[in-house]
Amino acid sequence: MLGNDDPVVSTRPIRSEARTRLLKAIAQGRHWLDQIATGDATDIAVIAERQQISEKTVHSTLSLTFLAPHIVQAPIDGRLPRSLGISQMTDLPVDWTKQRQQLGLG
């Protein structure tokens, strides 16, 4: 959990525009994962075609669905450092401890 004893809390928080983009991307990734899980979309290629975006973009956005809950909560609470945004959050390891380490969150 990002707490008051966490050194990143003393840094400037993520900008509101970047925060909004990140949270929207997480929600979009969760929606697409749900489409795959329910069979509404058979794979990433179908989503990419529907959205008229690259499969790489879909893959990167889907990777946001595997962020640790405390990392997702940080931008919601305004506690994510300004240096972190969508590009740093995509394609992270699935292991939550490794996510924190790679992002420099402890």
N, C-alpha and C. Protein backbone atom coordinates (compact mmCIF):
# COMPACT_ATOMS: atom_id res chain seq x y z
N MET A 1 0.84 -1.18 0.00
CA MET A 1 0.00 0.00 0.00
C MET A 1 0.88 1.24 0.00
N LEU A 2 0.49 2.23 -0.75
CA LEU A 2 1.22 3.49 -0.76
C LEU A 2 0.77 4.29 0.46
N GLY A 3 1.62 4.43 1.43
CA GLY A 3 1.23 5.11 2.66
C GLY A 3 2.05 6.34 2.91
N ASN A 4 1.81 6.97 4.06
CA ASN A 4 2.52 8.19 4.41
C ASN A 4 4.01 7.96 4.63
N ASP A 5 4.40 6.73 4.94
CA ASP A 5 5.81 6.44 5.13
C ASP A 5 6.49 6.08 3.82
N ASP A 6 5.75 6.07 2.74
CA ASP A 6 6.29 5.73 1.43
C ASP A 6 6.99 6.95 0.85
N PRO A 7 8.24 6.82 0.41
CA PRO A 7 8.98 7.97 -0.10
C PRO A 7 8.36 8.60 -1.34
N VAL A 8 7.59 7.86 -2.12
CA VAL A 8 7.02 8.45 -3.33
C VAL A 8 5.90 9.43 -3.02
N VAL A 9 5.33 9.35 -1.83
CA VAL A 9 4.24 10.25 -1.48
C VAL A 9 4.71 11.69 -1.44
N SER A 10 5.99 11.89 -1.11
CA SER A 10 6.52 13.25 -1.03
C SER A 10 6.73 13.88 -2.40
N THR A 11 6.68 13.09 -3.48
CA THR A 11 6.83 13.64 -4.83
C THR A 11 5.51 14.24 -5.28
N ARG A 12 5.58 15.05 -6.34
CA ARG A 12 4.36 15.67 -6.85
C ARG A 12 3.44 14.61 -7.42
N PRO A 13 2.14 14.72 -7.18
CA PRO A 13 1.21 13.71 -7.68
C PRO A 13 0.99 13.82 -9.19
N ILE A 14 0.50 12.77 -9.74
CA ILE A 14 0.19 12.68 -11.16
C ILE A 14 -0.76 13.81 -11.55
N ARG A 15 -0.57 14.36 -12.72
CA ARG A 15 -1.45 15.43 -13.22
C ARG A 15 -2.85 14.87 -13.43
N SER A 16 -3.85 15.71 -13.26
CA SER A 16 -5.23 15.24 -13.36
C SER A 16 -5.55 14.69 -14.73
N GLU A 17 -4.98 15.26 -15.80
CA GLU A 17 -5.23 14.76 -17.15
C GLU A 17 -4.64 13.37 -17.33
N ALA A 18 -3.43 13.17 -16.84
CA ALA A 18 -2.76 11.87 -16.93
C ALA A 18 -3.49 10.85 -16.06
N ARG A 19 -3.94 11.29 -14.92
CA ARG A 19 -4.70 10.43 -14.01
C ARG A 19 -5.97 9.95 -14.69
N THR A 20 -6.69 10.86 -15.33
CA THR A 20 -7.93 10.51 -16.03
C THR A 20 -7.65 9.54 -17.16
N ARG A 21 -6.61 9.80 -17.96
CA ARG A 21 -6.26 8.89 -19.08
C ARG A 21 -5.93 7.49 -18.54
N LEU A 22 -5.16 7.44 -17.46
CA LEU A 22 -4.78 6.15 -16.89
C LEU A 22 -6.00 5.38 -16.40
N LEU A 23 -6.86 6.05 -15.65
CA LEU A 23 -8.04 5.36 -15.10
C LEU A 23 -8.99 4.93 -16.21
N LYS A 24 -9.14 5.74 -17.25
CA LYS A 24 -9.98 5.34 -18.39
C LYS A 24 -9.38 4.14 -19.11
N ALA A 25 -8.06 4.11 -19.25
CA ALA A 25 -7.40 2.99 -19.91
C ALA A 25 -7.56 1.70 -19.10
N ILE A 26 -7.47 1.81 -17.78
CA ILE A 26 -7.68 0.62 -16.92
C ILE A 26 -9.10 0.12 -17.10
N ALA A 27 -10.07 1.03 -17.08
CA ALA A 27 -11.47 0.64 -17.26
C ALA A 27 -11.69 0.02 -18.64
N GLN A 28 -11.07 0.59 -19.68
CA GLN A 28 -11.21 0.05 -21.03
C GLN A 28 -10.62 -1.36 -21.10
N GLY A 29 -9.46 -1.55 -20.50
CA GLY A 29 -8.84 -2.87 -20.48
C GLY A 29 -9.72 -3.89 -19.78
N ARG A 30 -10.32 -3.50 -18.68
CA ARG A 30 -11.22 -4.40 -17.95
C ARG A 30 -12.45 -4.75 -18.79
N HIS A 31 -12.95 -3.77 -19.53
CA HIS A 31 -14.10 -4.01 -20.41
C HIS A 31 -13.73 -5.01 -21.51
N TRP A 32 -12.58 -4.81 -22.13
CA TRP A 32 -12.15 -5.72 -23.19
C TRP A 32 -11.89 -7.12 -22.64
N LEU A 33 -11.30 -7.21 -21.45
CA LEU A 33 -11.06 -8.53 -20.86
C LEU A 33 -12.39 -9.23 -20.60
N ASP A 34 -13.37 -8.47 -20.14
CA ASP A 34 -14.70 -9.03 -19.93
C ASP A 34 -15.30 -9.52 -21.25
N GLN A 35 -15.10 -8.77 -22.32
CA GLN A 35 -15.60 -9.20 -23.63
C GLN A 35 -14.97 -10.52 -24.06
N ILE A 36 -13.69 -10.67 -23.81
CA ILE A 36 -13.01 -11.93 -24.15
C ILE A 36 -13.52 -13.06 -23.27
N ALA A 37 -13.66 -12.79 -21.97
CA ALA A 37 -14.10 -13.82 -21.02
C ALA A 37 -15.52 -14.30 -21.31
N THR A 38 -16.38 -13.39 -21.76
CA THR A 38 -17.78 -13.76 -22.03
C THR A 38 -17.99 -14.27 -23.45
N GLY A 39 -16.95 -14.19 -24.27
CA GLY A 39 -17.08 -14.66 -25.65
C GLY A 39 -17.61 -13.61 -26.62
N ASP A 40 -17.84 -12.39 -26.13
CA ASP A 40 -18.30 -11.32 -27.01
C ASP A 40 -17.21 -10.95 -28.02
N ALA A 41 -15.97 -11.14 -27.63
CA ALA A 41 -14.83 -10.98 -28.54
C ALA A 41 -13.98 -12.24 -28.37
N THR A 42 -13.58 -12.83 -29.48
CA THR A 42 -12.84 -14.09 -29.39
C THR A 42 -11.36 -13.90 -29.08
N ASP A 43 -10.82 -12.73 -29.44
CA ASP A 43 -9.40 -12.49 -29.17
C ASP A 43 -9.05 -11.01 -29.36
N ILE A 44 -7.78 -10.72 -29.18
CA ILE A 44 -7.29 -9.35 -29.28
C ILE A 44 -7.51 -8.78 -30.68
N ALA A 45 -7.34 -9.62 -31.69
CA ALA A 45 -7.50 -9.15 -33.08
C ALA A 45 -8.91 -8.62 -33.33
N VAL A 46 -9.91 -9.29 -32.76
CA VAL A 46 -11.29 -8.86 -32.93
C VAL A 46 -11.50 -7.49 -32.28
N ILE A 47 -10.99 -7.31 -31.10
CA ILE A 47 -11.12 -6.03 -30.41
C ILE A 47 -10.40 -4.93 -31.20
N ALA A 48 -9.20 -5.22 -31.68
CA ALA A 48 -8.44 -4.24 -32.44
C ALA A 48 -9.19 -3.82 -33.70
N GLU A 49 -9.78 -4.79 -34.36
CA GLU A 49 -10.54 -4.47 -35.57
C GLU A 49 -11.77 -3.62 -35.23
N ARG A 50 -12.48 -4.00 -34.18
CA ARG A 50 -13.66 -3.23 -33.77
C ARG A 50 -13.31 -1.79 -33.41
N GLN A 51 -12.21 -1.62 -32.71
CA GLN A 51 -11.81 -0.30 -32.22
C GLN A 51 -10.98 0.48 -33.24
N GLN A 52 -10.58 -0.20 -34.30
CA GLN A 52 -9.73 0.38 -35.34
C GLN A 52 -8.42 0.90 -34.75
N ILE A 53 -7.81 0.04 -33.94
CA ILE A 53 -6.51 0.32 -33.34
C ILE A 53 -5.63 -0.91 -33.52
N SER A 54 -4.36 -0.78 -33.20
CA SER A 54 -3.45 -1.90 -33.37
C SER A 54 -3.65 -2.96 -32.27
N GLU A 55 -3.28 -4.17 -32.61
CA GLU A 55 -3.32 -5.25 -31.61
C GLU A 55 -2.37 -4.94 -30.46
N LYS A 56 -1.25 -4.27 -30.75
CA LYS A 56 -0.30 -3.89 -29.70
C LYS A 56 -0.96 -2.96 -28.69
N THR A 57 -1.76 -2.01 -29.17
CA THR A 57 -2.46 -1.09 -28.28
C THR A 57 -3.45 -1.84 -27.41
N VAL A 58 -4.17 -2.78 -28.00
CA VAL A 58 -5.13 -3.59 -27.23
C VAL A 58 -4.38 -4.39 -26.18
N HIS A 59 -3.29 -5.02 -26.58
CA HIS A 59 -2.51 -5.83 -25.64
C HIS A 59 -2.01 -4.99 -24.47
N SER A 60 -1.46 -3.82 -24.78
CA SER A 60 -0.94 -2.94 -23.72
C SER A 60 -2.06 -2.50 -22.78
N THR A 61 -3.21 -2.17 -23.34
CA THR A 61 -4.34 -1.74 -22.51
C THR A 61 -4.84 -2.90 -21.66
N LEU A 62 -4.90 -4.09 -22.24
CA LEU A 62 -5.31 -5.26 -21.46
C LEU A 62 -4.35 -5.54 -20.31
N SER A 63 -3.08 -5.25 -20.50
CA SER A 63 -2.11 -5.52 -19.43
C SER A 63 -2.40 -4.70 -18.18
N LEU A 64 -3.08 -3.57 -18.34
CA LEU A 64 -3.44 -2.73 -17.18
C LEU A 64 -4.43 -3.43 -16.25
N THR A 65 -5.14 -4.43 -16.76
CA THR A 65 -6.12 -5.14 -15.92
C THR A 65 -5.45 -6.00 -14.86
N PHE A 66 -4.15 -6.21 -15.01
CA PHE A 66 -3.43 -7.06 -14.06
C PHE A 66 -2.59 -6.27 -13.06
N LEU A 67 -2.83 -4.96 -12.99
CA LEU A 67 -2.15 -4.14 -11.99
C LEU A 67 -2.63 -4.50 -10.59
N ALA A 68 -1.73 -4.45 -9.65
CA ALA A 68 -2.08 -4.69 -8.25
C ALA A 68 -3.14 -3.69 -7.80
N PRO A 69 -4.09 -4.14 -6.99
CA PRO A 69 -5.16 -3.24 -6.54
C PRO A 69 -4.65 -1.95 -5.89
N HIS A 70 -3.59 -2.03 -5.11
CA HIS A 70 -3.08 -0.82 -4.46
C HIS A 70 -2.45 0.14 -5.46
N ILE A 71 -1.97 -0.37 -6.57
CA ILE A 71 -1.42 0.50 -7.61
C ILE A 71 -2.57 1.19 -8.35
N VAL A 72 -3.67 0.49 -8.58
CA VAL A 72 -4.85 1.09 -9.20
C VAL A 72 -5.46 2.13 -8.27
N GLN A 73 -5.46 1.86 -6.99
CA GLN A 73 -6.05 2.78 -6.01
C GLN A 73 -5.25 4.08 -5.88
N ALA A 74 -3.95 4.01 -6.10
CA ALA A 74 -3.10 5.20 -5.93
C ALA A 74 -3.53 6.38 -6.80
N PRO A 75 -3.78 6.21 -8.11
CA PRO A 75 -4.24 7.39 -8.88
C PRO A 75 -5.66 7.82 -8.50
N ILE A 76 -6.47 6.88 -8.09
CA ILE A 76 -7.83 7.23 -7.64
C ILE A 76 -7.73 8.18 -6.45
N ASP A 77 -6.82 7.87 -5.55
CA ASP A 77 -6.63 8.69 -4.34
C ASP A 77 -5.71 9.89 -4.57
N GLY A 78 -5.16 10.03 -5.78
CA GLY A 78 -4.25 11.13 -6.06
C GLY A 78 -2.87 10.93 -5.46
N ARG A 79 -2.47 9.69 -5.24
CA ARG A 79 -1.18 9.41 -4.59
C ARG A 79 -0.14 8.83 -5.53
N LEU A 80 -0.44 8.74 -6.81
CA LEU A 80 0.53 8.21 -7.76
C LEU A 80 1.50 9.33 -8.16
N PRO A 81 2.79 9.06 -8.15
CA PRO A 81 3.75 10.11 -8.52
C PRO A 81 3.58 10.57 -9.97
N ARG A 82 3.89 11.81 -10.20
CA ARG A 82 3.76 12.42 -11.53
C ARG A 82 4.59 11.68 -12.58
N SER A 83 5.66 11.06 -12.18
CA SER A 83 6.54 10.37 -13.13
C SER A 83 5.93 9.09 -13.70
N LEU A 84 4.80 8.66 -13.16
CA LEU A 84 4.18 7.42 -13.62
C LEU A 84 2.89 7.72 -14.37
N GLY A 85 2.71 7.01 -15.47
CA GLY A 85 1.50 7.15 -16.27
C GLY A 85 1.25 5.87 -17.04
N ILE A 86 0.42 5.95 -18.05
CA ILE A 86 0.06 4.76 -18.81
C ILE A 86 1.28 4.04 -19.37
N SER A 87 2.19 4.77 -19.96
CA SER A 87 3.33 4.10 -20.61
C SER A 87 4.20 3.33 -19.63
N GLN A 88 4.28 3.78 -18.39
CA GLN A 88 5.06 3.06 -17.38
C GLN A 88 4.28 1.89 -16.78
N MET A 89 2.97 1.92 -16.90
CA MET A 89 2.12 0.91 -16.25
C MET A 89 1.81 -0.29 -17.14
N THR A 90 2.00 -0.15 -18.45
CA THR A 90 1.66 -1.26 -19.34
C THR A 90 2.77 -2.30 -19.38
N ASP A 91 2.36 -3.51 -19.63
CA ASP A 91 3.28 -4.64 -19.82
C ASP A 91 4.20 -4.88 -18.63
N LEU A 92 3.67 -4.68 -17.43
CA LEU A 92 4.43 -4.98 -16.21
C LEU A 92 4.33 -6.46 -15.89
N PRO A 93 5.21 -6.97 -15.03
CA PRO A 93 5.07 -8.35 -14.59
C PRO A 93 3.71 -8.54 -13.89
N VAL A 94 3.19 -9.76 -13.90
CA VAL A 94 1.92 -10.04 -13.25
C VAL A 94 2.09 -10.04 -11.73
N ASP A 95 3.25 -10.40 -11.25
CA ASP A 95 3.54 -10.43 -9.81
C ASP A 95 3.47 -9.01 -9.23
N TRP A 96 2.62 -8.81 -8.23
CA TRP A 96 2.39 -7.47 -7.67
C TRP A 96 3.63 -6.89 -7.00
N THR A 97 4.42 -7.71 -6.36
CA THR A 97 5.65 -7.23 -5.72
C THR A 97 6.61 -6.73 -6.79
N LYS A 98 6.72 -7.46 -7.88
CA LYS A 98 7.60 -7.04 -8.97
C LYS A 98 7.08 -5.77 -9.64
N GLN A 99 5.78 -5.59 -9.69
CA GLN A 99 5.21 -4.35 -10.22
C GLN A 99 5.68 -3.16 -9.40
N ARG A 100 5.54 -3.28 -8.07
CA ARG A 100 5.98 -2.18 -7.18
C ARG A 100 7.45 -1.88 -7.39
N GLN A 101 8.27 -2.93 -7.48
CA GLN A 101 9.70 -2.74 -7.66
C GLN A 101 10.00 -2.05 -8.98
N GLN A 102 9.38 -2.52 -10.07
CA GLN A 102 9.65 -1.96 -11.38
C GLN A 102 9.21 -0.50 -11.48
N LEU A 103 8.12 -0.16 -10.77
CA LEU A 103 7.63 1.20 -10.78
C LEU A 103 8.33 2.09 -9.76
N GLY A 104 9.19 1.49 -8.94
CA GLY A 104 9.90 2.25 -7.91
C GLY A 104 9.00 2.67 -6.76
N LEU A 105 8.02 1.84 -6.46
CA LEU A 105 7.07 2.16 -5.39
C LEU A 105 7.37 1.43 -4.09
N GLY A 106 8.57 0.96 -3.96
CA GLY A 106 8.92 0.35 -2.68
C GLY A 106 9.46 -0.99 -2.74
